[in-house]
Each structure stands twice: as structure tokens, then as C-alpha cells.
Amino acid sequence: MSPNGQTRGKKIKPSDNLYTVILAVAFTAVLATTVFVAVMCYLRYGTFTPP
């Protein structure tokens, strides 16, 4: 069998930019959640650590 004759098994490879965008969105979500929790702890308890 020649590798040139194979038509099955072709996978669509997404561009690397797609993975970069997904990683950036995930990092932003984690960062925003961390900032939100820190601010809420400070406003409620006067410190950045939970009680």
C-alpha cells in the first residue's frame, strides 16, 4: 500500500492560534476569579485570607 493512495484517516489540524486563544481565555477566567475572591474576602473580613 502506498501512503499516497490513502484517503481515510486524514485529520483536520486546527491552527496553533486556536489553542493560544483557549489558553488565554482559561487563564483570564482563573485570574478574574482569584481577584474576585480576594476582593470579596477583603471587603467582608478585612483581610485577604478566608476566615
PDB file of N, CA and C in Angstrom:
ATOM      1  N   MET A   1       0.831  -1.197   0.000  1.00  0.00           N
ATOM      2  CA  MET A   1       0.000   0.000   0.000  1.00  0.00           C
ATOM      3  C   MET A   1       0.866   1.247   0.000  1.00  0.00           C
ATOM      4  N   SER A   2       0.523   2.111  -0.857  1.00  0.00           N
ATOM      5  CA  SER A   2       1.246   3.364  -0.963  1.00  0.00           C
ATOM      6  C   SER A   2       0.619   4.401  -0.033  1.00  0.00           C
ATOM      7  N   PRO A   3       1.421   5.175   0.655  1.00  0.00           N
ATOM      8  CA  PRO A   3       0.844   6.224   1.518  1.00  0.00           C
ATOM      9  C   PRO A   3       0.146   7.314   0.715  1.00  0.00           C
ATOM     10  N   ASN A   4       0.450   7.423  -0.568  1.00  0.00           N
ATOM     11  CA  ASN A   4      -0.188   8.434  -1.402  1.00  0.00           C
ATOM     12  C   ASN A   4      -1.643   8.090  -1.704  1.00  0.00           C
ATOM     13  N   GLY A   5      -1.978   6.801  -1.677  1.00  0.00           N
ATOM     14  CA  GLY A   5      -3.317   6.378  -2.024  1.00  0.00           C
ATOM     15  C   GLY A   5      -4.293   6.410  -0.868  1.00  0.00           C
ATOM     16  N   GLN A   6      -3.842   6.693   0.326  1.00  0.00           N
ATOM     17  CA  GLN A   6      -4.733   6.697   1.482  1.00  0.00           C
ATOM     18  C   GLN A   6      -5.540   7.983   1.529  1.00  0.00           C
ATOM     19  N   THR A   7      -6.852   7.810   1.589  1.00  0.00           N
ATOM     20  CA  THR A   7      -7.710   8.984   1.709  1.00  0.00           C
ATOM     21  C   THR A   7      -8.388   9.021   3.070  1.00  0.00           C
ATOM     22  N   ARG A   8      -8.500   7.879   3.712  1.00  0.00           N
ATOM     23  CA  ARG A   8      -9.108   7.848   5.043  1.00  0.00           C
ATOM     24  C   ARG A   8      -8.066   8.188   6.098  1.00  0.00           C
ATOM     25  N   GLY A   9      -8.514   8.620   7.226  1.00  0.00           N
ATOM     26  CA  GLY A   9      -7.611   8.898   8.330  1.00  0.00           C
ATOM     27  C   GLY A   9      -7.027  10.293   8.322  1.00  0.00           C
ATOM     28  N   LYS A  10      -7.447  11.118   7.390  1.00  0.00           N
ATOM     29  CA  LYS A  10      -6.956  12.498   7.398  1.00  0.00           C
ATOM     30  C   LYS A  10      -7.631  13.241   8.532  1.00  0.00           C
ATOM     31  N   LYS A  11      -6.837  13.905   9.304  1.00  0.00           N
ATOM     32  CA  LYS A  11      -7.374  14.678  10.423  1.00  0.00           C
ATOM     33  C   LYS A  11      -7.187  16.158  10.132  1.00  0.00           C
ATOM     34  N   ILE A  12      -8.191  16.909  10.468  1.00  0.00           N
ATOM     35  CA  ILE A  12      -8.098  18.358  10.315  1.00  0.00           C
ATOM     36  C   ILE A  12      -7.327  18.888  11.510  1.00  0.00           C
ATOM     37  N   LYS A  13      -6.225  19.542  11.246  1.00  0.00           N
ATOM     38  CA  LYS A  13      -5.397  20.080  12.310  1.00  0.00           C
ATOM     39  C   LYS A  13      -5.747  21.545  12.523  1.00  0.00           C
ATOM     40  N   PRO A  14      -6.286  21.892  13.699  1.00  0.00           N
ATOM     41  CA  PRO A  14      -6.579  23.309  13.948  1.00  0.00           C
ATOM     42  C   PRO A  14      -5.280  24.094  14.071  1.00  0.00           C
ATOM     43  N   SER A  15      -5.367  25.335  13.791  1.00  0.00           N
ATOM     44  CA  SER A  15      -4.168  26.166  13.865  1.00  0.00           C
ATOM     45  C   SER A  15      -3.732  26.329  15.317  1.00  0.00           C
ATOM     46  N   ASP A  16      -2.476  26.646  15.503  1.00  0.00           N
ATOM     47  CA  ASP A  16      -1.936  26.832  16.847  1.00  0.00           C
ATOM     48  C   ASP A  16      -2.559  28.046  17.531  1.00  0.00           C
ATOM     49  N   ASN A  17      -3.056  28.990  16.753  1.00  0.00           N
ATOM     50  CA  ASN A  17      -3.672  30.172  17.347  1.00  0.00           C
ATOM     51  C   ASN A  17      -4.931  29.825  18.117  1.00  0.00           C
ATOM     52  N   LEU A  18      -5.641  28.788  17.701  1.00  0.00           N
ATOM     53  CA  LEU A  18      -6.842  28.370  18.416  1.00  0.00           C
ATOM     54  C   LEU A  18      -6.494  27.926  19.827  1.00  0.00           C
ATOM     55  N   TYR A  19      -5.436  27.138  19.970  1.00  0.00           N
ATOM     56  CA  TYR A  19      -5.016  26.690  21.293  1.00  0.00           C
ATOM     57  C   TYR A  19      -4.535  27.865  22.143  1.00  0.00           C
ATOM     58  N   THR A  20      -3.900  28.825  21.535  1.00  0.00           N
ATOM     59  CA  THR A  20      -3.441  30.007  22.261  1.00  0.00           C
ATOM     60  C   THR A  20      -4.628  30.808  22.785  1.00  0.00           C
ATOM     61  N   VAL A  21      -5.668  30.945  21.991  1.00  0.00           N
ATOM     62  CA  VAL A  21      -6.864  31.677  22.421  1.00  0.00           C
ATOM     63  C   VAL A  21      -7.554  30.939  23.561  1.00  0.00           C
ATOM     64  N   ILE A  22      -7.686  29.629  23.453  1.00  0.00           N
ATOM     65  CA  ILE A  22      -8.314  28.846  24.524  1.00  0.00           C
ATOM     66  C   ILE A  22      -7.513  28.976  25.810  1.00  0.00           C
ATOM     67  N   LEU A  23      -6.198  28.901  25.723  1.00  0.00           N
ATOM     68  CA  LEU A  23      -5.345  29.046  26.900  1.00  0.00           C
ATOM     69  C   LEU A  23      -5.471  30.441  27.505  1.00  0.00           C
ATOM     70  N   ALA A  24      -5.542  31.465  26.678  1.00  0.00           N
ATOM     71  CA  ALA A  24      -5.677  32.836  27.178  1.00  0.00           C
ATOM     72  C   ALA A  24      -7.019  33.043  27.869  1.00  0.00           C
ATOM     73  N   VAL A  25      -8.086  32.479  27.318  1.00  0.00           N
ATOM     74  CA  VAL A  25      -9.412  32.609  27.940  1.00  0.00           C
ATOM     75  C   VAL A  25      -9.431  31.892  29.289  1.00  0.00           C
ATOM     76  N   ALA A  26      -8.855  30.698  29.350  1.00  0.00           N
ATOM     77  CA  ALA A  26      -8.819  29.952  30.606  1.00  0.00           C
ATOM     78  C   ALA A  26      -7.994  30.692  31.658  1.00  0.00           C
ATOM     79  N   PHE A  27      -6.850  31.224  31.263  1.00  0.00           N
ATOM     80  CA  PHE A  27      -6.005  31.963  32.198  1.00  0.00           C
ATOM     81  C   PHE A  27      -6.706  33.218  32.703  1.00  0.00           C
ATOM     82  N   THR A  28      -7.394  33.918  31.813  1.00  0.00           N
ATOM     83  CA  THR A  28      -8.124  35.122  32.207  1.00  0.00           C
ATOM     84  C   THR A  28      -9.252  34.788  33.182  1.00  0.00           C
ATOM     85  N   ALA A  29      -9.940  33.682  32.966  1.00  0.00           N
ATOM     86  CA  ALA A  29     -11.023  33.273  33.860  1.00  0.00           C
ATOM     87  C   ALA A  29     -10.483  32.948  35.250  1.00  0.00           C
ATOM     88  N   VAL A  30      -9.369  32.245  35.310  1.00  0.00           N
ATOM     89  CA  VAL A  30      -8.766  31.908  36.605  1.00  0.00           C
ATOM     90  C   VAL A  30      -8.273  33.165  37.312  1.00  0.00           C
ATOM     91  N   LEU A  31      -7.659  34.056  36.583  1.00  0.00           N
ATOM     92  CA  LEU A  31      -7.162  35.296  37.170  1.00  0.00           C
ATOM     93  C   LEU A  31      -8.308  36.162  37.686  1.00  0.00           C
ATOM     94  N   ALA A  32      -9.371  36.286  36.904  1.00  0.00           N
ATOM     95  CA  ALA A  32     -10.518  37.091  37.321  1.00  0.00           C
ATOM     96  C   ALA A  32     -11.186  36.490  38.566  1.00  0.00           C
ATOM     97  N   THR A  33     -11.288  35.179  38.625  1.00  0.00           N
ATOM     98  CA  THR A  33     -11.875  34.527  39.799  1.00  0.00           C
ATOM     99  C   THR A  33     -11.021  34.753  41.033  1.00  0.00           C
ATOM    100  N   THR A  34      -9.712  34.677  40.885  1.00  0.00           N
ATOM    101  CA  THR A  34      -8.808  34.902  42.014  1.00  0.00           C
ATOM    102  C   THR A  34      -8.930  36.330  42.533  1.00  0.00           C
ATOM    103  N   VAL A  35      -8.968  37.282  41.629  1.00  0.00           N
ATOM    104  CA  VAL A  35      -9.111  38.684  42.037  1.00  0.00           C
ATOM    105  C   VAL A  35     -10.462  38.908  42.707  1.00  0.00           C
ATOM    106  N   PHE A  36     -11.520  38.331  42.170  1.00  0.00           N
ATOM    107  CA  PHE A  36     -12.846  38.485  42.754  1.00  0.00           C
ATOM    108  C   PHE A  36     -12.897  37.928  44.171  1.00  0.00           C
ATOM    109  N   VAL A  37     -12.353  36.745  44.383  1.00  0.00           N
ATOM    110  CA  VAL A  37     -12.360  36.136  45.718  1.00  0.00           C
ATOM    111  C   VAL A  37     -11.528  36.967  46.690  1.00  0.00           C
ATOM    112  N   ALA A  38     -10.390  37.463  46.258  1.00  0.00           N
ATOM    113  CA  ALA A  38      -9.548  38.276  47.132  1.00  0.00           C
ATOM    114  C   ALA A  38     -10.253  39.569  47.531  1.00  0.00           C
ATOM    115  N   VAL A  39     -10.905  40.224  46.577  1.00  0.00           N
ATOM    116  CA  VAL A  39     -11.608  41.478  46.876  1.00  0.00           C
ATOM    117  C   VAL A  39     -12.795  41.214  47.801  1.00  0.00           C
ATOM    118  N   MET A  40     -13.549  40.163  47.557  1.00  0.00           N
ATOM    119  CA  MET A  40     -14.691  39.856  48.418  1.00  0.00           C
ATOM    120  C   MET A  40     -14.242  39.511  49.833  1.00  0.00           C
ATOM    121  N   CYS A  41     -13.156  38.772  49.971  1.00  0.00           N
ATOM    122  CA  CYS A  41     -12.624  38.467  51.310  1.00  0.00           C
ATOM    123  C   CYS A  41     -12.189  39.746  52.013  1.00  0.00           C
ATOM    124  N   TYR A  42     -11.550  40.640  51.279  1.00  0.00           N
ATOM    125  CA  TYR A  42     -11.104  41.887  51.889  1.00  0.00           C
ATOM    126  C   TYR A  42     -12.290  42.749  52.316  1.00  0.00           C
ATOM    127  N   LEU A  43     -13.322  42.821  51.487  1.00  0.00           N
ATOM    128  CA  LEU A  43     -14.483  43.645  51.819  1.00  0.00           C
ATOM    129  C   LEU A  43     -15.273  43.067  52.987  1.00  0.00           C
ATOM    130  N   ARG A  44     -15.397  41.761  53.067  1.00  0.00           N
ATOM    131  CA  ARG A  44     -16.202  41.140  54.127  1.00  0.00           C
ATOM    132  C   ARG A  44     -15.440  40.975  55.422  1.00  0.00           C
ATOM    133  N   TYR A  45     -14.168  40.592  55.342  1.00  0.00           N
ATOM    134  CA  TYR A  45     -13.433  40.227  56.550  1.00  0.00           C
ATOM    135  C   TYR A  45     -12.256  41.149  56.858  1.00  0.00           C
ATOM    136  N   GLY A  46     -11.930  42.067  55.980  1.00  0.00           N
ATOM    137  CA  GLY A  46     -10.840  42.987  56.230  1.00  0.00           C
ATOM    138  C   GLY A  46      -9.469  42.376  55.994  1.00  0.00           C
ATOM    139  N   THR A  47      -9.410  41.202  55.411  1.00  0.00           N
ATOM    140  CA  THR A  47      -8.139  40.537  55.117  1.00  0.00           C
ATOM    141  C   THR A  47      -8.289  39.737  53.828  1.00  0.00           C
ATOM    142  N   PHE A  48      -7.173  39.343  53.255  1.00  0.00           N
ATOM    143  CA  PHE A  48      -7.227  38.594  52.011  1.00  0.00           C
ATOM    144  C   PHE A  48      -7.330  37.084  52.228  1.00  0.00           C
ATOM    145  N   THR A  49      -7.308  36.650  53.462  1.00  0.00           N
ATOM    146  CA  THR A  49      -7.410  35.212  53.739  1.00  0.00           C
ATOM    147  C   THR A  49      -8.816  34.913  54.249  1.00  0.00           C
ATOM    148  N   PRO A  50      -9.395  33.788  53.835  1.00  0.00           N
ATOM    149  CA  PRO A  50     -10.729  33.445  54.338  1.00  0.00           C
ATOM    150  C   PRO A  50     -10.687  33.124  55.824  1.00  0.00           C
ATOM    151  N   PRO A  51     -11.807  33.279  56.524  1.00  0.00           N
ATOM    152  CA  PRO A  51     -11.809  33.056  57.978  1.00  0.00           C
ATOM    153  C   PRO A  51     -11.564  31.598  58.334  1.00  0.00           C
TER     154      PRO A  51
END
